[in-house]
C-alpha cells in the first residue's frame, strides 16, 4: 500500500492502515519526542498522544503539502503541550537563567548530540531544540512556551554556552559529533 492509499484508508478509520502508518513513522517521530523529554516514558506518551491526534485530525489533511511534515508539526505541538502541562519548564527557564550550570548527569565520551542536550537544564534544552533543530523563531518559541522573546534568546545563549563548555571538557565528544 502506497502512502496515498494509506492516508485514504486512515481517513476511513481503517485500523490496519492506522497500524501500518504508525509502524512506518513511529521510530522517526519517537526520535523527535526524545528531543523534548529526557524521560523515555514521557517521550512515549507524547508519541502515542501525537499519533492519536494525527488519526483524529487526518481528515483535515487536504493532500496539499508534505504529509510527513504535517504529521511532524502535530508531534512537535503535542510535545510542547506536554512540556507546558509539566509547568516545570517555566521554573527551569527562570531558575537557570541566573544560576551556575551544574552537570549532574554523567556524559559518555562516545555519546551523541542528544546525550549532550539531555544534560542541559530543561528550559534551555527545549529552546535550543525549538530554535536550532526545529527552526522556530524566538517569537514563536515565546508564544509556544509562554515566555518572553528575551527569555528565549537568553536560554538559547545559555544552552550554546553550556554545550561549548561540555565540548571543551570532553574533547572526544566533538569528534563523535562531526
N, C-alpha and C. Protein backbone atom coordinates (compact mmCIF):
# COMPACT_ATOMS: atom_id res chain seq x y z
N UNK A 1 0.84 -1.17 0.00
CA UNK A 1 0.00 0.00 0.00
C UNK A 1 0.89 1.24 0.00
N UNK A 2 0.69 2.11 -0.99
CA UNK A 2 1.49 3.33 -1.02
C UNK A 2 0.93 4.36 -0.03
N UNK A 3 1.65 5.46 0.16
CA UNK A 3 1.29 6.44 1.17
C UNK A 3 -0.09 7.03 0.93
N UNK A 4 -0.41 7.36 -0.31
CA UNK A 4 -1.72 7.96 -0.60
C UNK A 4 -2.86 6.99 -0.26
N UNK A 5 -2.67 5.72 -0.56
CA UNK A 5 -3.68 4.71 -0.22
C UNK A 5 -3.79 4.57 1.30
N UNK A 6 -2.67 4.63 1.95
CA UNK A 6 -2.62 4.52 3.40
C UNK A 6 -3.38 5.68 4.06
N UNK A 7 -3.15 6.89 3.55
CA UNK A 7 -3.84 8.08 4.07
C UNK A 7 -5.34 7.95 3.84
N UNK A 8 -5.71 7.53 2.64
CA UNK A 8 -7.13 7.37 2.31
C UNK A 8 -7.80 6.35 3.23
N UNK A 9 -7.12 5.24 3.49
CA UNK A 9 -7.67 4.21 4.38
C UNK A 9 -7.75 4.72 5.82
N UNK A 10 -6.76 5.50 6.26
CA UNK A 10 -6.78 6.07 7.61
C UNK A 10 -7.94 7.05 7.75
N UNK A 11 -8.25 7.77 6.69
CA UNK A 11 -9.38 8.70 6.72
C UNK A 11 -10.70 7.96 6.90
N UNK A 12 -10.71 6.68 6.56
CA UNK A 12 -11.91 5.84 6.74
C UNK A 12 -11.85 5.07 8.06
N UNK A 13 -10.92 5.45 8.92
CA UNK A 13 -10.73 4.81 10.23
C UNK A 13 -10.39 3.33 10.12
N UNK A 14 -9.65 2.96 9.10
CA UNK A 14 -9.20 1.58 8.91
C UNK A 14 -8.07 1.32 9.91
N UNK A 15 -8.33 0.46 10.89
CA UNK A 15 -7.35 0.22 11.96
C UNK A 15 -6.07 -0.43 11.43
N UNK A 16 -6.18 -1.26 10.40
CA UNK A 16 -4.98 -1.87 9.82
C UNK A 16 -4.10 -0.79 9.18
N UNK A 17 -4.71 0.14 8.48
CA UNK A 17 -3.97 1.23 7.85
C UNK A 17 -3.35 2.13 8.93
N UNK A 18 -4.09 2.38 10.00
CA UNK A 18 -3.55 3.19 11.09
C UNK A 18 -2.32 2.53 11.70
N UNK A 19 -2.40 1.22 11.89
CA UNK A 19 -1.27 0.48 12.45
C UNK A 19 -0.08 0.56 11.50
N UNK A 20 -0.33 0.40 10.19
CA UNK A 20 0.75 0.48 9.20
C UNK A 20 1.39 1.87 9.18
N UNK A 21 0.56 2.91 9.26
CA UNK A 21 1.09 4.27 9.28
C UNK A 21 1.93 4.49 10.54
N UNK A 22 1.42 4.02 11.67
CA UNK A 22 2.16 4.14 12.93
C UNK A 22 3.52 3.43 12.82
N UNK A 23 3.50 2.20 12.32
CA UNK A 23 4.74 1.42 12.21
C UNK A 23 5.72 2.04 11.23
N UNK A 24 5.20 2.70 10.21
CA UNK A 24 6.06 3.33 9.21
C UNK A 24 6.81 4.53 9.79
N UNK A 25 6.16 5.27 10.71
CA UNK A 25 6.73 6.52 11.20
C UNK A 25 7.06 6.55 12.69
N UNK A 26 6.74 5.51 13.43
CA UNK A 26 6.92 5.60 14.89
C UNK A 26 8.36 5.85 15.31
N UNK A 27 9.32 5.19 14.69
CA UNK A 27 10.70 5.39 15.13
C UNK A 27 11.20 6.79 14.79
N UNK A 28 10.81 7.31 13.64
CA UNK A 28 11.22 8.66 13.25
C UNK A 28 10.66 9.70 14.21
N UNK A 29 9.38 9.57 14.55
CA UNK A 29 8.75 10.55 15.43
C UNK A 29 9.08 10.31 16.90
N UNK A 30 9.43 9.09 17.25
CA UNK A 30 9.89 8.84 18.61
C UNK A 30 11.21 9.58 18.85
N UNK A 31 12.05 9.62 17.83
CA UNK A 31 13.31 10.37 17.94
C UNK A 31 13.01 11.86 18.16
N UNK A 32 11.98 12.37 17.51
CA UNK A 32 11.57 13.77 17.72
C UNK A 32 11.13 13.96 19.17
N UNK A 33 10.30 13.06 19.66
CA UNK A 33 9.78 13.17 21.04
C UNK A 33 10.91 13.08 22.07
N UNK A 34 11.91 12.24 21.80
CA UNK A 34 13.02 12.11 22.75
C UNK A 34 13.84 13.38 22.85
N UNK A 35 13.75 14.26 21.85
CA UNK A 35 14.44 15.55 21.95
C UNK A 35 13.87 16.40 23.08
N UNK A 36 12.58 16.27 23.29
CA UNK A 36 11.89 17.12 24.25
C UNK A 36 11.83 16.55 25.66
N UNK A 37 12.04 15.26 25.80
CA UNK A 37 11.90 14.61 27.11
C UNK A 37 13.11 13.74 27.39
N UNK A 38 13.73 13.94 28.53
CA UNK A 38 14.82 13.08 28.97
C UNK A 38 14.24 11.73 29.39
N UNK A 39 13.08 11.78 30.03
CA UNK A 39 12.40 10.57 30.49
C UNK A 39 11.76 9.86 29.30
N UNK A 40 12.16 8.64 29.06
CA UNK A 40 11.71 7.87 27.90
C UNK A 40 10.19 7.64 27.92
N UNK A 41 9.63 7.49 29.12
CA UNK A 41 8.19 7.25 29.23
C UNK A 41 7.38 8.48 28.83
N UNK A 42 7.90 9.65 29.15
CA UNK A 42 7.24 10.89 28.73
C UNK A 42 7.29 11.02 27.21
N UNK A 43 8.41 10.64 26.61
CA UNK A 43 8.54 10.68 25.15
C UNK A 43 7.56 9.71 24.51
N UNK A 44 7.44 8.51 25.08
CA UNK A 44 6.49 7.52 24.55
C UNK A 44 5.06 8.03 24.66
N UNK A 45 4.71 8.63 25.79
CA UNK A 45 3.36 9.18 25.97
C UNK A 45 3.07 10.25 24.92
N UNK A 46 4.02 11.14 24.71
CA UNK A 46 3.83 12.21 23.71
C UNK A 46 3.67 11.62 22.32
N UNK A 47 4.43 10.57 22.01
CA UNK A 47 4.32 9.92 20.70
C UNK A 47 2.92 9.34 20.50
N UNK A 48 2.44 8.61 21.48
CA UNK A 48 1.13 7.99 21.37
C UNK A 48 0.04 9.05 21.25
N UNK A 49 0.11 10.07 22.09
CA UNK A 49 -0.88 11.15 22.03
C UNK A 49 -0.81 11.88 20.69
N UNK A 50 0.40 12.06 20.19
CA UNK A 50 0.57 12.70 18.89
C UNK A 50 -0.06 11.90 17.77
N UNK A 51 0.15 10.59 17.78
CA UNK A 51 -0.46 9.75 16.75
C UNK A 51 -1.98 9.72 16.89
N UNK A 52 -2.48 9.75 18.11
CA UNK A 52 -3.94 9.83 18.28
C UNK A 52 -4.48 11.10 17.63
N UNK A 53 -3.78 12.21 17.81
CA UNK A 53 -4.21 13.47 17.20
C UNK A 53 -4.10 13.39 15.67
N UNK A 54 -3.07 12.73 15.19
CA UNK A 54 -2.93 12.55 13.74
C UNK A 54 -4.15 11.81 13.20
N UNK A 55 -4.51 10.71 13.85
CA UNK A 55 -5.65 9.92 13.38
C UNK A 55 -6.97 10.67 13.55
N UNK A 56 -7.10 11.43 14.62
CA UNK A 56 -8.33 12.20 14.84
C UNK A 56 -8.49 13.34 13.84
N UNK A 57 -7.36 13.87 13.38
CA UNK A 57 -7.39 15.05 12.50
C UNK A 57 -6.99 14.75 11.06
N UNK A 58 -6.85 13.50 10.71
CA UNK A 58 -6.35 13.16 9.38
C UNK A 58 -7.27 13.66 8.27
N UNK A 59 -8.55 13.80 8.57
CA UNK A 59 -9.47 14.33 7.55
C UNK A 59 -9.19 15.79 7.23
N UNK A 60 -8.50 16.49 8.11
CA UNK A 60 -8.16 17.89 7.83
C UNK A 60 -6.95 18.01 6.91
N UNK A 61 -6.24 16.90 6.70
CA UNK A 61 -5.11 16.93 5.76
C UNK A 61 -5.70 16.91 4.35
N UNK A 62 -5.45 17.97 3.60
CA UNK A 62 -6.07 18.15 2.29
C UNK A 62 -5.33 17.43 1.17
N UNK A 63 -4.14 16.97 1.43
CA UNK A 63 -3.35 16.35 0.37
C UNK A 63 -2.33 17.31 -0.20
N UNK A 64 -2.49 18.58 0.11
CA UNK A 64 -1.51 19.58 -0.33
C UNK A 64 -0.36 19.58 0.66
N UNK A 65 0.83 19.70 0.17
CA UNK A 65 1.99 19.75 1.05
C UNK A 65 2.45 18.36 1.45
N UNK A 66 3.49 18.35 2.21
CA UNK A 66 4.14 17.11 2.63
C UNK A 66 3.41 16.50 3.82
N UNK A 67 2.92 15.28 3.67
CA UNK A 67 2.18 14.61 4.74
C UNK A 67 3.06 14.38 5.96
N UNK A 68 4.30 13.99 5.74
CA UNK A 68 5.21 13.77 6.86
C UNK A 68 5.45 15.07 7.63
N UNK A 69 5.57 16.18 6.92
CA UNK A 69 5.72 17.48 7.56
C UNK A 69 4.49 17.85 8.38
N UNK A 70 3.31 17.51 7.85
CA UNK A 70 2.05 17.76 8.57
C UNK A 70 2.04 16.96 9.87
N UNK A 71 2.43 15.69 9.79
CA UNK A 71 2.48 14.85 10.99
C UNK A 71 3.53 15.36 11.97
N UNK A 72 4.68 15.76 11.46
CA UNK A 72 5.77 16.27 12.29
C UNK A 72 5.30 17.45 13.13
N UNK A 73 4.57 18.35 12.49
CA UNK A 73 4.07 19.53 13.20
C UNK A 73 3.13 19.12 14.34
N UNK A 74 2.29 18.13 14.10
CA UNK A 74 1.38 17.65 15.14
C UNK A 74 2.17 17.03 16.30
N UNK A 75 3.18 16.23 15.98
CA UNK A 75 4.00 15.59 17.02
C UNK A 75 4.73 16.65 17.85
N UNK A 76 5.33 17.62 17.20
CA UNK A 76 6.05 18.68 17.93
C UNK A 76 5.07 19.46 18.81
N UNK A 77 3.91 19.80 18.27
CA UNK A 77 2.91 20.53 19.07
C UNK A 77 2.46 19.70 20.27
N UNK A 78 2.33 18.41 20.10
CA UNK A 78 1.95 17.54 21.23
C UNK A 78 3.05 17.53 22.28
N UNK A 79 4.29 17.46 21.84
CA UNK A 79 5.41 17.50 22.79
C UNK A 79 5.39 18.81 23.58
N UNK A 80 5.16 19.91 22.88
CA UNK A 80 5.12 21.20 23.55
C UNK A 80 3.95 21.30 24.52
N UNK A 81 2.81 20.71 24.15
CA UNK A 81 1.66 20.71 25.06
C UNK A 81 2.00 19.92 26.33
N UNK A 82 2.68 18.81 26.17
CA UNK A 82 3.07 18.00 27.33
C UNK A 82 4.09 18.75 28.20
N UNK A 83 5.02 19.44 27.56
CA UNK A 83 6.00 20.23 28.30
C UNK A 83 5.30 21.33 29.09
N UNK A 84 4.35 22.01 28.44
CA UNK A 84 3.61 23.07 29.14
C UNK A 84 2.80 22.51 30.30
N UNK A 85 2.25 21.32 30.14
CA UNK A 85 1.48 20.70 31.22
C UNK A 85 2.35 20.46 32.45
N UNK A 86 3.61 20.12 32.22
CA UNK A 86 4.52 19.86 33.34
C UNK A 86 4.78 21.12 34.15
N UNK A 87 4.71 22.25 33.50
CA UNK A 87 4.91 23.56 34.12
C UNK A 87 6.29 23.74 34.75
N UNK A 88 7.08 22.71 34.80
CA UNK A 88 8.41 22.86 35.39
C UNK A 88 9.33 23.64 34.46
N UNK A 89 8.99 23.66 33.18
CA UNK A 89 9.87 24.37 32.25
C UNK A 89 9.93 25.85 32.59
N UNK A 90 8.82 26.43 33.01
CA UNK A 90 8.84 27.85 33.35
C UNK A 90 9.76 28.10 34.53
N UNK A 91 9.70 27.25 35.53
CA UNK A 91 10.60 27.38 36.66
C UNK A 91 12.03 27.15 36.21
N UNK A 92 12.22 26.18 35.33
CA UNK A 92 13.56 25.87 34.85
C UNK A 92 14.15 27.05 34.09
N UNK A 93 13.33 27.67 33.25
CA UNK A 93 13.82 28.81 32.47
C UNK A 93 14.18 29.95 33.41
N UNK A 94 13.33 30.26 34.35
CA UNK A 94 13.60 31.36 35.26
C UNK A 94 14.76 31.04 36.20
N UNK A 95 14.78 29.82 36.75
CA UNK A 95 15.80 29.46 37.73
C UNK A 95 17.19 29.36 37.12
N UNK A 96 17.30 28.77 35.95
CA UNK A 96 18.61 28.50 35.39
C UNK A 96 19.21 29.70 34.66
N UNK A 97 18.41 30.72 34.44
CA UNK A 97 18.97 31.88 33.75
C UNK A 97 19.95 32.64 34.65
N UNK A 98 19.81 32.49 35.96
CA UNK A 98 20.68 33.24 36.85
C UNK A 98 21.58 32.34 37.71
N UNK A 99 21.46 31.04 37.57
CA UNK A 99 22.26 30.13 38.38
C UNK A 99 23.41 29.54 37.56
N UNK A 100 24.39 29.10 38.25
CA UNK A 100 25.53 28.44 37.62
C UNK A 100 25.10 27.05 37.19
N UNK A 101 25.48 26.68 36.00
CA UNK A 101 25.16 25.37 35.45
C UNK A 101 25.93 24.30 36.20
N UNK A 102 25.21 23.29 36.65
CA UNK A 102 25.86 22.16 37.30
C UNK A 102 25.41 20.90 36.60
N UNK A 103 26.36 20.18 36.10
CA UNK A 103 26.05 18.96 35.37
C UNK A 103 25.95 17.81 36.36
N UNK A 104 24.73 17.28 36.52
CA UNK A 104 24.51 16.15 37.40
C UNK A 104 24.57 14.83 36.65
N UNK A 105 24.24 14.88 35.36
CA UNK A 105 24.20 13.67 34.55
C UNK A 105 25.58 13.41 33.97
N UNK A 106 26.09 12.19 34.11
CA UNK A 106 27.40 11.91 33.52
C UNK A 106 27.33 11.92 31.99
N UNK A 107 28.39 12.38 31.38
CA UNK A 107 28.47 12.43 29.93
C UNK A 107 29.40 11.32 29.46
N UNK A 108 28.91 10.51 28.53
CA UNK A 108 29.73 9.45 27.97
C UNK A 108 30.55 10.02 26.83
N UNK A 109 31.79 9.64 26.77
CA UNK A 109 32.69 10.15 25.74
C UNK A 109 32.24 9.78 24.33
N UNK A 110 31.47 8.68 24.20
CA UNK A 110 31.03 8.26 22.87
C UNK A 110 29.57 8.66 22.62
N UNK A 111 29.03 9.53 23.46
CA UNK A 111 27.64 9.96 23.32
C UNK A 111 27.46 10.89 22.13
N UNK A 112 26.21 11.05 21.71
CA UNK A 112 25.89 11.93 20.60
C UNK A 112 25.29 13.24 21.08
N UNK A 113 24.78 13.99 20.13
CA UNK A 113 24.21 15.30 20.43
C UNK A 113 23.06 15.21 21.42
N UNK A 114 22.17 14.24 21.27
CA UNK A 114 21.03 14.17 22.17
C UNK A 114 21.48 13.89 23.60
N UNK A 115 22.52 13.10 23.77
CA UNK A 115 23.01 12.85 25.12
C UNK A 115 23.57 14.14 25.72
N UNK A 116 24.22 14.93 24.89
CA UNK A 116 24.72 16.23 25.35
C UNK A 116 23.57 17.15 25.72
N UNK A 117 22.56 17.20 24.87
CA UNK A 117 21.42 18.07 25.15
C UNK A 117 20.68 17.64 26.41
N UNK A 118 20.65 16.36 26.67
CA UNK A 118 19.92 15.86 27.83
C UNK A 118 20.51 16.27 29.17
N UNK A 119 21.75 16.71 29.19
CA UNK A 119 22.33 17.16 30.46
C UNK A 119 22.06 18.64 30.70
N UNK A 120 21.50 19.33 29.71
CA UNK A 120 21.17 20.74 29.88
C UNK A 120 19.91 20.88 30.73
N UNK A 121 19.77 22.00 31.43
CA UNK A 121 18.50 22.27 32.12
C UNK A 121 17.36 22.24 31.11
N UNK A 122 16.20 21.81 31.54
CA UNK A 122 15.08 21.59 30.63
C UNK A 122 14.74 22.81 29.79
N UNK A 123 14.69 23.98 30.39
CA UNK A 123 14.31 25.19 29.67
C UNK A 123 15.22 25.50 28.50
N UNK A 124 16.52 25.51 28.75
CA UNK A 124 17.43 25.86 27.65
C UNK A 124 17.52 24.72 26.64
N UNK A 125 17.34 23.48 27.07
CA UNK A 125 17.32 22.35 26.13
C UNK A 125 16.15 22.49 25.16
N UNK A 126 14.97 22.78 25.69
CA UNK A 126 13.78 22.91 24.85
C UNK A 126 13.92 24.08 23.88
N UNK A 127 14.39 25.22 24.36
CA UNK A 127 14.58 26.38 23.49
C UNK A 127 15.61 26.07 22.41
N UNK A 128 16.71 25.41 22.77
CA UNK A 128 17.73 25.05 21.80
C UNK A 128 17.13 24.16 20.71
N UNK A 129 16.39 23.15 21.10
CA UNK A 129 15.78 22.22 20.14
C UNK A 129 14.81 22.96 19.22
N UNK A 130 13.96 23.79 19.82
CA UNK A 130 12.98 24.51 19.00
C UNK A 130 13.65 25.45 18.01
N UNK A 131 14.69 26.14 18.45
CA UNK A 131 15.33 27.13 17.58
C UNK A 131 16.30 26.49 16.58
N UNK A 132 17.21 25.69 17.09
CA UNK A 132 18.28 25.16 16.23
C UNK A 132 17.83 23.96 15.40
N UNK A 133 17.10 23.04 16.01
CA UNK A 133 16.74 21.81 15.31
C UNK A 133 15.42 21.96 14.54
N UNK A 134 14.41 22.53 15.19
CA UNK A 134 13.09 22.66 14.56
C UNK A 134 12.96 23.92 13.69
N UNK A 135 13.82 24.91 13.94
CA UNK A 135 13.80 26.11 13.11
C UNK A 135 12.80 27.18 13.51
N UNK A 136 12.28 27.13 14.73
CA UNK A 136 11.34 28.14 15.20
C UNK A 136 12.08 29.45 15.46
N UNK A 137 11.39 30.56 15.25
CA UNK A 137 11.92 31.89 15.58
C UNK A 137 11.65 32.13 17.07
N UNK A 138 12.38 33.07 17.66
CA UNK A 138 12.23 33.35 19.09
C UNK A 138 10.80 33.79 19.43
N UNK A 139 10.18 34.52 18.53
CA UNK A 139 8.80 34.96 18.77
C UNK A 139 7.87 33.74 18.88
N UNK A 140 8.05 32.78 17.98
CA UNK A 140 7.22 31.56 18.02
C UNK A 140 7.49 30.75 19.28
N UNK A 141 8.75 30.65 19.66
CA UNK A 141 9.12 29.91 20.88
C UNK A 141 8.48 30.58 22.09
N UNK A 142 8.56 31.90 22.13
CA UNK A 142 7.98 32.64 23.25
C UNK A 142 6.48 32.37 23.36
N UNK A 143 5.80 32.35 22.23
CA UNK A 143 4.36 32.08 22.23
C UNK A 143 4.07 30.64 22.66
N UNK A 144 4.84 29.70 22.14
CA UNK A 144 4.62 28.29 22.45
C UNK A 144 4.84 27.98 23.93
N UNK A 145 5.85 28.60 24.52
CA UNK A 145 6.23 28.29 25.90
C UNK A 145 5.71 29.32 26.91
N UNK A 146 5.04 30.34 26.40
CA UNK A 146 4.50 31.39 27.28
C UNK A 146 5.61 32.08 28.07
N UNK A 147 6.66 32.46 27.33
CA UNK A 147 7.79 33.19 27.90
C UNK A 147 8.04 34.41 27.01
N UNK A 148 8.94 35.29 27.42
CA UNK A 148 9.27 36.44 26.58
C UNK A 148 10.30 36.04 25.53
N UNK A 149 10.36 36.84 24.46
CA UNK A 149 11.38 36.60 23.43
C UNK A 149 12.78 36.72 24.03
N UNK A 150 12.95 37.66 24.94
CA UNK A 150 14.25 37.84 25.60
C UNK A 150 14.66 36.61 26.38
N UNK A 151 13.69 35.98 27.06
CA UNK A 151 14.00 34.76 27.80
C UNK A 151 14.40 33.65 26.84
N UNK A 152 13.69 33.56 25.72
CA UNK A 152 14.03 32.56 24.71
C UNK A 152 15.47 32.76 24.22
N UNK A 153 15.81 34.00 23.92
CA UNK A 153 17.16 34.30 23.44
C UNK A 153 18.21 33.99 24.50
N UNK A 154 17.93 34.36 25.74
CA UNK A 154 18.92 34.11 26.80
C UNK A 154 19.08 32.61 27.06
N UNK A 155 17.98 31.86 26.95
CA UNK A 155 18.08 30.41 27.15
C UNK A 155 18.86 29.75 26.01
N UNK A 156 18.70 30.26 24.79
CA UNK A 156 19.48 29.74 23.67
C UNK A 156 20.97 30.02 23.90
N UNK A 157 21.28 31.23 24.32
CA UNK A 157 22.68 31.57 24.59
C UNK A 157 23.25 30.72 25.72
N UNK A 158 22.44 30.49 26.75
CA UNK A 158 22.89 29.64 27.85
C UNK A 158 23.15 28.21 27.36
N UNK A 159 22.25 27.69 26.54
CA UNK A 159 22.42 26.34 26.00
C UNK A 159 23.71 26.25 25.18
N UNK A 160 23.92 27.22 24.31
CA UNK A 160 25.14 27.22 23.49
C UNK A 160 26.38 27.30 24.36
N UNK A 161 26.33 28.14 25.36
CA UNK A 161 27.47 28.30 26.27
C UNK A 161 27.76 26.99 27.00
N UNK A 162 26.73 26.34 27.49
CA UNK A 162 26.91 25.09 28.24
C UNK A 162 27.37 23.97 27.32
N UNK A 163 26.86 23.94 26.10
CA UNK A 163 27.32 22.92 25.15
C UNK A 163 28.79 23.13 24.82
N UNK A 164 29.19 24.37 24.64
CA UNK A 164 30.60 24.69 24.38
C UNK A 164 31.46 24.24 25.55
N UNK A 165 30.98 24.52 26.77
CA UNK A 165 31.69 24.12 27.99
C UNK A 165 31.86 22.60 28.03
N UNK A 166 30.81 21.87 27.71
CA UNK A 166 30.88 20.40 27.71
C UNK A 166 31.84 19.88 26.65
N UNK A 167 31.81 20.51 25.47
CA UNK A 167 32.71 20.08 24.39
C UNK A 167 34.18 20.35 24.74
N UNK A 168 34.42 21.42 25.48
CA UNK A 168 35.79 21.70 25.92
C UNK A 168 36.22 20.73 27.02
N UNK A 169 35.28 20.35 27.88
CA UNK A 169 35.58 19.43 28.97
C UNK A 169 35.79 18.00 28.44
N UNK A 170 35.04 17.65 27.40
CA UNK A 170 35.11 16.30 26.81
C UNK A 170 35.46 16.41 25.33
N UNK A 171 36.73 16.60 25.00
CA UNK A 171 37.12 16.84 23.60
C UNK A 171 36.77 15.69 22.66
N UNK A 172 36.67 14.48 23.18
CA UNK A 172 36.31 13.35 22.31
C UNK A 172 34.88 13.44 21.82
N UNK A 173 34.04 14.15 22.54
CA UNK A 173 32.65 14.31 22.12
C UNK A 173 32.57 15.06 20.81
N UNK A 174 33.42 16.06 20.66
CA UNK A 174 33.41 16.88 19.43
C UNK A 174 33.66 16.02 18.21
N UNK A 175 34.61 15.11 18.32
CA UNK A 175 34.92 14.21 17.20
C UNK A 175 33.73 13.31 16.88
N UNK A 176 33.01 12.87 17.91
CA UNK A 176 31.87 11.99 17.70
C UNK A 176 30.69 12.71 17.06
N UNK A 177 30.61 14.02 17.23
CA UNK A 177 29.50 14.79 16.67
C UNK A 177 29.74 15.15 15.22
N UNK A 178 30.98 15.14 14.80
CA UNK A 178 31.30 15.52 13.41
C UNK A 178 31.11 14.39 12.45
